[in-house]
N, C-alpha and C. Protein backbone atom coordinates (compact mmCIF):
# COMPACT_ATOMS: atom_id res chain seq x y z
N MET A 1 46.90 100.73 116.43
CA MET A 1 47.31 99.39 116.77
C MET A 1 48.73 99.42 117.32
N LYS A 2 48.91 98.76 118.41
CA LYS A 2 50.22 98.72 119.06
C LYS A 2 51.01 97.53 118.51
N VAL A 3 52.24 97.80 118.11
CA VAL A 3 53.10 96.75 117.59
C VAL A 3 53.91 96.17 118.75
N ALA A 4 53.86 94.87 118.86
CA ALA A 4 54.62 94.21 119.93
C ALA A 4 56.10 94.19 119.57
N THR A 5 56.90 94.50 120.54
CA THR A 5 58.35 94.43 120.32
C THR A 5 58.89 93.21 121.05
N THR A 6 59.83 92.59 120.42
CA THR A 6 60.44 91.43 121.06
C THR A 6 61.68 91.88 121.82
N PRO A 7 61.86 91.34 122.99
CA PRO A 7 63.03 91.74 123.78
C PRO A 7 64.32 91.21 123.14
N ASP A 8 65.39 91.93 123.37
CA ASP A 8 66.70 91.50 122.88
C ASP A 8 67.25 90.50 123.91
N ILE A 9 67.21 89.24 123.56
CA ILE A 9 67.65 88.18 124.47
C ILE A 9 69.13 87.94 124.26
N LYS A 10 69.87 87.82 125.36
CA LYS A 10 71.31 87.59 125.28
C LYS A 10 71.65 86.25 125.93
N VAL A 11 72.53 85.52 125.27
CA VAL A 11 73.05 84.27 125.84
C VAL A 11 74.56 84.31 125.73
N SER A 12 75.21 83.71 126.71
CA SER A 12 76.66 83.69 126.67
C SER A 12 77.15 82.58 125.74
N VAL A 13 78.36 82.74 125.27
CA VAL A 13 78.97 81.71 124.44
C VAL A 13 79.05 80.40 125.23
N ALA A 14 79.32 80.49 126.51
CA ALA A 14 79.38 79.29 127.35
C ALA A 14 78.03 78.58 127.39
N GLU A 15 76.94 79.35 127.47
CA GLU A 15 75.60 78.74 127.48
C GLU A 15 75.29 78.05 126.16
N VAL A 16 75.67 78.67 125.06
CA VAL A 16 75.44 78.06 123.75
C VAL A 16 76.17 76.73 123.66
N CYS A 17 77.42 76.72 124.07
CA CYS A 17 78.22 75.48 124.02
C CYS A 17 77.64 74.41 124.95
N GLU A 18 77.17 74.84 126.12
CA GLU A 18 76.59 73.88 127.06
C GLU A 18 75.32 73.24 126.51
N VAL A 19 74.45 74.06 125.94
CA VAL A 19 73.19 73.55 125.39
C VAL A 19 73.45 72.61 124.21
N ARG A 20 74.38 72.98 123.38
CA ARG A 20 74.70 72.15 122.21
C ARG A 20 75.46 70.88 122.59
N GLY A 21 76.18 70.94 123.68
CA GLY A 21 77.04 69.83 124.04
C GLY A 21 78.29 69.79 123.19
N ALA A 22 78.56 70.90 122.51
CA ALA A 22 79.73 71.01 121.63
C ALA A 22 80.01 72.49 121.40
N GLY A 23 81.15 72.76 120.81
CA GLY A 23 81.53 74.13 120.52
C GLY A 23 80.83 74.68 119.30
N LEU A 24 81.12 75.93 119.01
CA LEU A 24 80.57 76.59 117.84
C LEU A 24 81.25 76.08 116.58
N GLU A 25 80.56 76.19 115.46
CA GLU A 25 81.12 75.82 114.16
C GLU A 25 82.13 76.89 113.73
N ALA A 26 83.01 76.53 112.81
CA ALA A 26 84.05 77.46 112.36
C ALA A 26 83.47 78.78 111.85
N HIS A 27 82.41 78.73 111.04
CA HIS A 27 81.84 79.97 110.52
C HIS A 27 81.22 80.81 111.62
N GLU A 28 80.69 80.17 112.66
CA GLU A 28 80.13 80.91 113.79
C GLU A 28 81.24 81.58 114.60
N LEU A 29 82.35 80.88 114.80
CA LEU A 29 83.48 81.44 115.53
C LEU A 29 84.05 82.65 114.80
N LEU A 30 84.15 82.56 113.48
CA LEU A 30 84.67 83.68 112.70
C LEU A 30 83.71 84.87 112.73
N SER A 31 82.41 84.60 112.68
CA SER A 31 81.42 85.67 112.79
C SER A 31 81.50 86.34 114.15
N LEU A 32 81.70 85.53 115.18
CA LEU A 32 81.84 86.05 116.54
C LEU A 32 83.06 86.96 116.63
N ALA A 33 84.18 86.53 116.08
CA ALA A 33 85.41 87.34 116.12
C ALA A 33 85.22 88.65 115.36
N ALA A 34 84.59 88.58 114.20
CA ALA A 34 84.36 89.79 113.40
C ALA A 34 83.44 90.77 114.13
N ALA A 35 82.37 90.26 114.72
CA ALA A 35 81.43 91.12 115.44
C ALA A 35 82.04 91.68 116.72
N ALA A 36 82.82 90.87 117.41
CA ALA A 36 83.43 91.30 118.67
C ALA A 36 84.48 92.38 118.44
N ALA A 37 85.09 92.39 117.28
CA ALA A 37 86.14 93.37 116.99
C ALA A 37 85.63 94.80 117.14
N GLU A 38 84.36 95.01 116.86
CA GLU A 38 83.78 96.35 116.95
C GLU A 38 83.50 96.79 118.38
N SER A 39 83.40 95.84 119.30
CA SER A 39 83.04 96.18 120.67
C SER A 39 83.99 95.59 121.71
N LEU A 40 85.19 95.25 121.29
CA LEU A 40 86.15 94.63 122.19
C LEU A 40 86.57 95.64 123.26
N PRO A 41 86.27 95.36 124.53
CA PRO A 41 86.64 96.31 125.58
C PRO A 41 88.12 96.19 125.92
N PRO A 42 88.78 97.28 126.27
CA PRO A 42 90.16 97.16 126.71
C PRO A 42 90.22 96.36 128.01
N CYS A 43 91.30 95.63 128.17
CA CYS A 43 91.49 94.81 129.37
C CYS A 43 92.77 95.23 130.08
N PRO A 44 92.69 96.28 130.92
CA PRO A 44 93.87 96.64 131.68
C PRO A 44 94.24 95.50 132.63
N LYS A 45 95.49 95.47 133.04
CA LYS A 45 96.00 94.37 133.86
C LYS A 45 95.03 94.04 134.99
N GLY A 46 94.70 92.76 135.08
CA GLY A 46 93.80 92.27 136.12
C GLY A 46 92.35 92.15 135.68
N THR A 47 92.03 92.63 134.47
CA THR A 47 90.66 92.61 133.96
C THR A 47 90.61 91.82 132.66
N VAL A 48 89.77 90.80 132.61
CA VAL A 48 89.70 89.90 131.45
C VAL A 48 88.25 89.54 131.14
N PHE A 49 88.06 88.64 130.19
CA PHE A 49 86.75 88.04 129.93
C PHE A 49 86.96 86.63 129.42
N ASP A 50 85.92 85.82 129.56
CA ASP A 50 85.96 84.43 129.09
C ASP A 50 84.63 84.11 128.41
N CYS A 51 84.38 82.86 128.13
CA CYS A 51 83.16 82.45 127.42
C CYS A 51 81.89 82.80 128.17
N GLU A 52 81.98 82.88 129.49
CA GLU A 52 80.81 83.23 130.31
C GLU A 52 80.45 84.70 130.18
N ASN A 53 81.39 85.50 129.69
CA ASN A 53 81.21 86.95 129.66
C ASN A 53 81.14 87.54 128.25
N VAL A 54 81.02 86.67 127.26
CA VAL A 54 80.80 87.11 125.88
C VAL A 54 79.38 86.70 125.52
N PHE A 55 78.54 87.70 125.22
CA PHE A 55 77.13 87.47 124.99
C PHE A 55 76.75 87.74 123.54
N ILE A 56 75.91 86.87 123.00
CA ILE A 56 75.37 87.03 121.66
C ILE A 56 73.89 87.35 121.84
N SER A 57 73.43 88.42 121.19
CA SER A 57 72.03 88.80 121.36
C SER A 57 71.18 88.26 120.21
N SER A 58 69.89 88.24 120.44
CA SER A 58 68.96 87.76 119.42
C SER A 58 68.94 88.70 118.21
N ARG A 59 69.48 89.88 118.37
CA ARG A 59 69.57 90.84 117.26
C ARG A 59 70.92 90.77 116.55
N GLY A 60 71.75 89.82 116.96
CA GLY A 60 73.04 89.62 116.29
C GLY A 60 74.19 90.44 116.83
N ASN A 61 73.98 91.12 117.93
CA ASN A 61 75.05 91.91 118.52
C ASN A 61 75.88 91.07 119.48
N VAL A 62 77.11 91.50 119.69
CA VAL A 62 78.00 90.85 120.65
C VAL A 62 78.29 91.86 121.75
N GLU A 63 78.14 91.42 122.98
CA GLU A 63 78.43 92.25 124.14
C GLU A 63 79.44 91.51 125.01
N ILE A 64 80.45 92.22 125.46
CA ILE A 64 81.50 91.61 126.28
C ILE A 64 81.60 92.36 127.59
N LYS A 65 81.57 91.61 128.68
CA LYS A 65 81.72 92.19 130.01
C LYS A 65 83.03 91.71 130.60
N THR A 66 83.82 92.63 131.10
CA THR A 66 85.08 92.26 131.72
C THR A 66 84.86 91.94 133.20
N VAL A 67 85.72 91.08 133.71
CA VAL A 67 85.66 90.65 135.12
C VAL A 67 87.09 90.59 135.65
N PRO A 68 87.25 90.53 136.98
CA PRO A 68 88.59 90.36 137.53
C PRO A 68 89.18 89.02 137.10
N GLN A 69 90.49 88.98 136.87
CA GLN A 69 91.12 87.75 136.40
C GLN A 69 90.96 86.60 137.38
N SER A 70 90.72 86.89 138.64
CA SER A 70 90.52 85.83 139.64
C SER A 70 89.23 85.05 139.40
N LYS A 71 88.34 85.57 138.55
CA LYS A 71 87.05 84.93 138.28
C LYS A 71 87.07 83.99 137.08
N VAL A 72 88.22 83.91 136.38
CA VAL A 72 88.28 83.08 135.17
C VAL A 72 89.41 82.07 135.26
N ASP A 73 89.34 81.08 134.39
CA ASP A 73 90.41 80.09 134.27
C ASP A 73 91.69 80.79 133.80
N PRO A 74 92.84 80.36 134.28
CA PRO A 74 94.10 81.00 133.89
C PRO A 74 94.37 81.02 132.38
N CYS A 75 93.74 80.14 131.61
CA CYS A 75 93.98 80.13 130.16
C CYS A 75 93.46 81.40 129.48
N PHE A 76 92.65 82.20 130.17
CA PHE A 76 92.13 83.45 129.62
C PHE A 76 92.96 84.66 130.05
N VAL A 77 94.01 84.44 130.84
CA VAL A 77 94.85 85.53 131.34
C VAL A 77 96.05 85.71 130.41
N PRO A 78 96.23 86.90 129.87
CA PRO A 78 97.34 87.13 128.94
C PRO A 78 98.70 86.83 129.59
N PRO A 79 99.57 86.11 128.90
CA PRO A 79 100.85 85.70 129.48
C PRO A 79 101.78 86.87 129.78
N GLU A 80 101.63 87.97 129.07
CA GLU A 80 102.53 89.11 129.29
C GLU A 80 102.37 89.75 130.66
N TRP A 81 101.23 89.54 131.29
CA TRP A 81 101.03 90.12 132.61
C TRP A 81 102.00 89.56 133.63
N SER A 82 102.40 88.32 133.47
CA SER A 82 103.35 87.72 134.41
C SER A 82 104.73 88.38 134.30
N LYS A 83 104.97 89.09 133.19
CA LYS A 83 106.25 89.79 132.99
C LYS A 83 106.13 91.28 133.31
N GLY A 84 104.95 91.70 133.76
CA GLY A 84 104.74 93.09 134.11
C GLY A 84 104.26 93.98 132.97
N ASP A 85 104.08 93.42 131.78
CA ASP A 85 103.60 94.21 130.64
C ASP A 85 102.10 94.45 130.77
N ASP A 86 101.66 95.61 130.27
CA ASP A 86 100.23 95.94 130.33
C ASP A 86 99.83 96.73 129.09
N ASP A 87 99.27 96.03 128.11
CA ASP A 87 98.72 96.64 126.90
C ASP A 87 97.26 96.21 126.84
N PRO A 88 96.32 97.07 127.31
CA PRO A 88 94.91 96.68 127.39
C PRO A 88 94.30 96.20 126.08
N GLY A 89 94.71 96.78 124.95
CA GLY A 89 94.18 96.34 123.66
C GLY A 89 94.66 94.95 123.29
N ALA A 90 95.96 94.71 123.47
CA ALA A 90 96.53 93.40 123.17
C ALA A 90 95.97 92.33 124.11
N ALA A 91 95.73 92.70 125.36
CA ALA A 91 95.16 91.75 126.32
C ALA A 91 93.75 91.35 125.90
N ALA A 92 92.98 92.31 125.41
CA ALA A 92 91.61 92.02 124.96
C ALA A 92 91.63 91.07 123.76
N VAL A 93 92.56 91.29 122.84
CA VAL A 93 92.68 90.41 121.68
C VAL A 93 93.06 89.00 122.13
N PHE A 94 93.97 88.90 123.11
CA PHE A 94 94.34 87.59 123.65
C PHE A 94 93.11 86.89 124.23
N CYS A 95 92.34 87.62 125.04
CA CYS A 95 91.14 87.04 125.65
C CYS A 95 90.17 86.54 124.58
N MET A 96 89.99 87.32 123.51
CA MET A 96 89.08 86.89 122.45
C MET A 96 89.59 85.63 121.78
N GLY A 97 90.90 85.55 121.56
CA GLY A 97 91.48 84.33 121.00
C GLY A 97 91.26 83.14 121.91
N ALA A 98 91.42 83.36 123.21
CA ALA A 98 91.19 82.28 124.18
C ALA A 98 89.73 81.85 124.20
N VAL A 99 88.82 82.81 124.04
CA VAL A 99 87.39 82.49 123.96
C VAL A 99 87.11 81.64 122.72
N LEU A 100 87.66 82.04 121.59
CA LEU A 100 87.46 81.27 120.35
C LEU A 100 87.99 79.86 120.50
N ARG A 101 89.16 79.73 121.12
CA ARG A 101 89.75 78.40 121.34
C ARG A 101 88.83 77.55 122.22
N ALA A 102 88.38 78.12 123.33
CA ALA A 102 87.54 77.37 124.27
C ALA A 102 86.16 77.08 123.70
N ALA A 103 85.69 77.92 122.78
CA ALA A 103 84.34 77.76 122.23
C ALA A 103 84.30 76.87 121.00
N GLY A 104 85.40 76.21 120.68
CA GLY A 104 85.34 75.24 119.60
C GLY A 104 86.44 75.27 118.57
N ALA A 105 87.28 76.30 118.58
CA ALA A 105 88.32 76.39 117.55
C ALA A 105 89.31 75.23 117.62
N GLU A 106 89.55 74.70 118.81
CA GLU A 106 90.47 73.57 118.93
C GLU A 106 89.93 72.32 118.25
N GLN A 107 88.60 72.18 118.24
CA GLN A 107 87.99 71.00 117.62
C GLN A 107 87.69 71.21 116.14
N ALA A 108 87.69 72.45 115.70
CA ALA A 108 87.38 72.73 114.29
C ALA A 108 88.51 72.22 113.40
N ALA A 109 88.13 71.72 112.26
CA ALA A 109 89.12 71.16 111.33
C ALA A 109 89.66 72.22 110.38
N ASP A 110 89.30 73.48 110.59
CA ASP A 110 89.71 74.54 109.67
C ASP A 110 91.09 75.09 110.04
N VAL A 111 92.03 74.95 109.15
CA VAL A 111 93.41 75.37 109.37
C VAL A 111 93.51 76.89 109.51
N ASP A 112 92.75 77.64 108.71
CA ASP A 112 92.81 79.10 108.78
C ASP A 112 92.28 79.62 110.11
N LEU A 113 91.22 79.03 110.62
CA LEU A 113 90.70 79.40 111.93
C LEU A 113 91.73 79.08 113.00
N PHE A 114 92.32 77.91 112.93
CA PHE A 114 93.36 77.51 113.88
C PHE A 114 94.51 78.52 113.87
N SER A 115 94.93 78.94 112.69
CA SER A 115 96.02 79.91 112.57
C SER A 115 95.62 81.27 113.15
N LEU A 116 94.39 81.69 112.89
CA LEU A 116 93.91 82.96 113.43
C LEU A 116 93.95 82.94 114.95
N VAL A 117 93.46 81.87 115.55
CA VAL A 117 93.45 81.77 117.02
C VAL A 117 94.88 81.79 117.55
N ASN A 118 95.79 81.12 116.88
CA ASN A 118 97.19 81.14 117.31
C ASN A 118 97.78 82.54 117.25
N ILE A 119 97.44 83.30 116.22
CA ILE A 119 97.94 84.68 116.11
C ILE A 119 97.36 85.56 117.22
N LEU A 120 96.10 85.35 117.54
CA LEU A 120 95.45 86.15 118.58
C LEU A 120 96.01 85.86 119.97
N THR A 121 96.50 84.65 120.18
CA THR A 121 96.96 84.25 121.51
C THR A 121 98.48 84.10 121.60
N VAL A 122 99.20 84.61 120.62
CA VAL A 122 100.65 84.51 120.65
C VAL A 122 101.19 85.27 121.87
N ALA A 123 102.24 84.75 122.48
CA ALA A 123 102.79 85.35 123.70
C ALA A 123 103.48 86.69 123.44
N MET A 124 103.99 86.89 122.25
CA MET A 124 104.68 88.15 121.93
C MET A 124 103.65 89.22 121.57
N VAL A 125 103.44 90.15 122.47
CA VAL A 125 102.40 91.16 122.32
C VAL A 125 102.52 91.93 121.01
N GLY A 126 103.73 92.26 120.61
CA GLY A 126 103.94 93.05 119.41
C GLY A 126 103.50 92.37 118.13
N THR A 127 103.33 91.06 118.16
CA THR A 127 102.91 90.34 116.95
C THR A 127 101.41 90.05 116.93
N ARG A 128 100.72 90.38 118.01
CA ARG A 128 99.26 90.22 118.03
C ARG A 128 98.60 91.33 117.22
N PRO A 129 97.56 91.01 116.48
CA PRO A 129 96.87 92.07 115.73
C PRO A 129 96.05 92.97 116.66
N THR A 130 95.69 94.13 116.17
CA THR A 130 94.76 94.99 116.90
C THR A 130 93.36 94.38 116.79
N ALA A 131 92.42 94.89 117.55
CA ALA A 131 91.04 94.40 117.47
C ALA A 131 90.48 94.62 116.07
N HIS A 132 90.77 95.77 115.49
CA HIS A 132 90.28 96.06 114.14
C HIS A 132 90.83 95.05 113.13
N ARG A 133 92.13 94.80 113.21
CA ARG A 133 92.75 93.85 112.28
C ARG A 133 92.22 92.44 112.53
N MET A 134 91.96 92.09 113.79
CA MET A 134 91.37 90.79 114.11
C MET A 134 90.05 90.63 113.36
N GLY A 135 89.23 91.68 113.38
CA GLY A 135 87.95 91.63 112.68
C GLY A 135 88.13 91.45 111.18
N LEU A 136 89.08 92.18 110.61
CA LEU A 136 89.35 92.04 109.17
C LEU A 136 89.84 90.64 108.83
N MET A 137 90.72 90.11 109.66
CA MET A 137 91.26 88.77 109.43
C MET A 137 90.14 87.72 109.51
N ALA A 138 89.26 87.88 110.49
CA ALA A 138 88.15 86.93 110.65
C ALA A 138 87.23 86.98 109.43
N LYS A 139 86.96 88.18 108.93
CA LYS A 139 86.11 88.32 107.74
C LYS A 139 86.78 87.68 106.53
N PHE A 140 88.08 87.90 106.39
CA PHE A 140 88.82 87.34 105.26
C PHE A 140 88.81 85.82 105.30
N VAL A 141 89.11 85.26 106.46
CA VAL A 141 89.15 83.80 106.60
C VAL A 141 87.77 83.20 106.35
N SER A 142 86.71 83.91 106.77
CA SER A 142 85.35 83.37 106.62
C SER A 142 84.95 83.20 105.16
N ILE A 143 85.59 83.93 104.27
CA ILE A 143 85.30 83.80 102.84
C ILE A 143 85.61 82.38 102.35
N PHE A 144 86.61 81.75 102.95
CA PHE A 144 87.08 80.45 102.49
C PHE A 144 86.45 79.26 103.21
N ILE A 145 85.60 79.54 104.20
CA ILE A 145 84.91 78.48 104.92
C ILE A 145 83.70 78.06 104.11
N THR A 146 83.56 76.78 103.89
CA THR A 146 82.40 76.30 103.14
C THR A 146 81.45 75.56 104.04
């Protein structure tokens, strides 16, 4: 007997928000940040991602595709690039913070989530967490979400 396999369907965060007519819930945003931490691609200068390029699969995986910065809204472009700085890891963390903000963190009433997004998108690169630490912080904050 042949067992049918279901395809791994992927939808972008932007598509989820569009279908819902609203952003993701706080616990979903934190789960997204924690899952993305494991697969956050480096973003060398000129390469970013936004809500259209962060995909959630039916198997619970997160996939992120980078695109040229000219293809996204300026709010997803790390501010340090205008000063000539280029830290691909820090830029990726900034982009993830911007995705979380655009996907509902601004509307969420959770103070810890709001603080996490602010830390991820802070202009001072040296104070931004690494992708690994971002994941740990998201997991920690999610403990307190009810």
